[in-house]
Amino acid sequence: MAYVLVVRMTARAGEEEHAAELIGRLAEATHTEPGNVHYIPHRAEDDPRVFLLYEQYADKAAFEAHGASEHFKTIAAGELFPLMESRERTFYETLD
């Protein structure tokens, strides 16, 4: 079974374009991780401040390695998360 995380984030007003740029950089770096299966960023059609990330990893260890990566610490925790008004995470496992 793969390990899945779905994140819904809302950027503070005026920060949505900066957030979109950071999410793009984070996605690009995450795609190079050996345990990453999918890292698909989305933006709400009706509210440009709302983002949804679908993340799938080979297993929980790969997800934990993602959280320990330098790009996650720098881009996500260091720059992106402070721009957010809210951030909700839900974890899943695939049904294979």
Protein backbone atom coordinates (compact mmCIF):
# COMPACT_ATOMS: atom_id res chain seq x y z
CA MET A 1 0.00 0.00 0.00
CA ALA A 2 1.16 3.49 -0.82
CA TYR A 3 1.05 6.32 1.71
CA VAL A 4 -1.05 9.34 0.68
CA LEU A 5 -1.37 12.85 2.04
CA VAL A 6 -3.98 15.38 0.90
CA VAL A 7 -3.31 18.93 2.02
CA ARG A 8 -5.72 21.84 1.68
CA MET A 9 -4.19 25.26 2.30
CA THR A 10 -5.54 28.79 2.08
CA ALA A 11 -3.03 31.57 1.53
CA ARG A 12 -3.45 34.91 3.24
CA ALA A 13 -4.88 37.60 0.97
CA GLY A 14 -2.18 39.02 -1.29
CA GLU A 15 0.14 36.02 -0.82
CA GLU A 16 -1.49 33.63 -3.31
CA GLU A 17 0.91 34.22 -6.22
CA HIS A 18 3.97 33.87 -4.01
CA ALA A 19 2.44 30.69 -2.56
CA ALA A 20 1.81 29.31 -6.07
CA GLU A 21 5.45 29.94 -7.03
CA LEU A 22 6.73 28.21 -3.88
CA ILE A 23 4.41 25.24 -4.41
CA GLY A 24 5.79 24.88 -7.94
CA ARG A 25 9.35 24.85 -6.63
CA LEU A 26 8.43 22.35 -3.92
CA ALA A 27 6.71 20.06 -6.44
CA GLU A 28 9.73 20.15 -8.76
CA ALA A 29 12.11 19.18 -5.93
CA THR A 30 9.76 16.53 -4.52
CA HIS A 31 9.46 14.79 -7.90
CA THR A 32 13.17 13.90 -7.62
CA GLU A 33 12.73 11.99 -4.35
CA PRO A 34 13.13 8.23 -4.85
CA GLY A 35 10.05 7.37 -2.75
CA ASN A 36 7.74 9.94 -4.33
CA VAL A 37 5.05 8.48 -6.58
CA HIS A 38 2.89 11.59 -7.14
CA TYR A 39 3.05 15.19 -5.99
CA ILE A 40 0.25 17.01 -7.74
CA PRO A 41 -0.54 20.61 -6.80
CA HIS A 42 -3.99 22.04 -7.55
CA ARG A 43 -5.56 25.48 -7.25
CA ALA A 44 -9.25 26.09 -6.61
CA GLU A 45 -11.07 27.34 -9.65
CA ASP A 46 -13.28 29.69 -7.64
CA ASP A 47 -10.72 30.98 -5.13
CA PRO A 48 -7.08 31.52 -6.16
CA ARG A 49 -6.01 31.54 -2.51
CA VAL A 50 -6.96 27.87 -2.02
CA PHE A 51 -4.53 25.10 -2.91
CA LEU A 52 -4.82 21.34 -2.71
CA LEU A 53 -1.81 19.03 -2.81
CA TYR A 54 -2.17 15.33 -3.58
CA GLU A 55 0.96 13.54 -2.42
CA GLN A 56 1.63 9.83 -2.81
CA TYR A 57 4.71 8.05 -1.50
CA ALA A 58 5.87 4.44 -1.80
CA ASP A 59 5.41 4.03 1.96
CA LYS A 60 5.36 5.97 5.22
CA ALA A 61 9.18 5.95 5.41
CA ALA A 62 9.33 7.74 2.04
CA PHE A 63 6.88 10.34 3.33
CA GLU A 64 9.01 10.84 6.44
CA ALA A 65 12.11 11.21 4.25
CA HIS A 66 10.24 13.93 2.33
CA GLY A 67 9.57 15.80 5.57
CA ALA A 68 13.25 15.55 6.50
CA SER A 69 14.48 16.78 3.10
CA GLU A 70 16.29 20.08 2.81
CA HIS A 71 13.84 21.39 0.19
CA PHE A 72 10.87 20.64 2.45
CA LYS A 73 12.49 22.38 5.41
CA THR A 74 13.52 25.40 3.34
CA ILE A 75 10.62 25.88 0.92
CA ALA A 76 7.60 24.41 2.74
CA ALA A 77 8.28 24.94 6.43
CA GLY A 78 10.52 27.97 5.98
CA GLU A 79 8.69 29.97 3.32
CA LEU A 80 5.33 28.50 2.29
CA PHE A 81 3.61 27.61 5.56
CA PRO A 82 4.07 31.11 7.06
CA LEU A 83 2.03 32.49 4.11
CA MET A 84 -0.97 30.33 4.97
CA GLU A 85 -4.14 31.38 6.71
CA SER A 86 -5.07 27.71 7.19
CA ARG A 87 -3.62 24.27 6.48
CA GLU A 88 -5.46 20.95 6.83
CA ARG A 89 -3.84 17.54 6.33
CA THR A 90 -5.49 14.14 5.87
CA PHE A 91 -3.55 10.88 5.55
CA TYR A 92 -4.64 7.81 3.57
CA GLU A 93 -3.35 4.45 2.39
CA THR A 94 -4.16 3.10 -1.05
CA LEU A 95 -6.38 0.03 -1.28
CA ASP A 96 -4.06 -2.19 -3.30
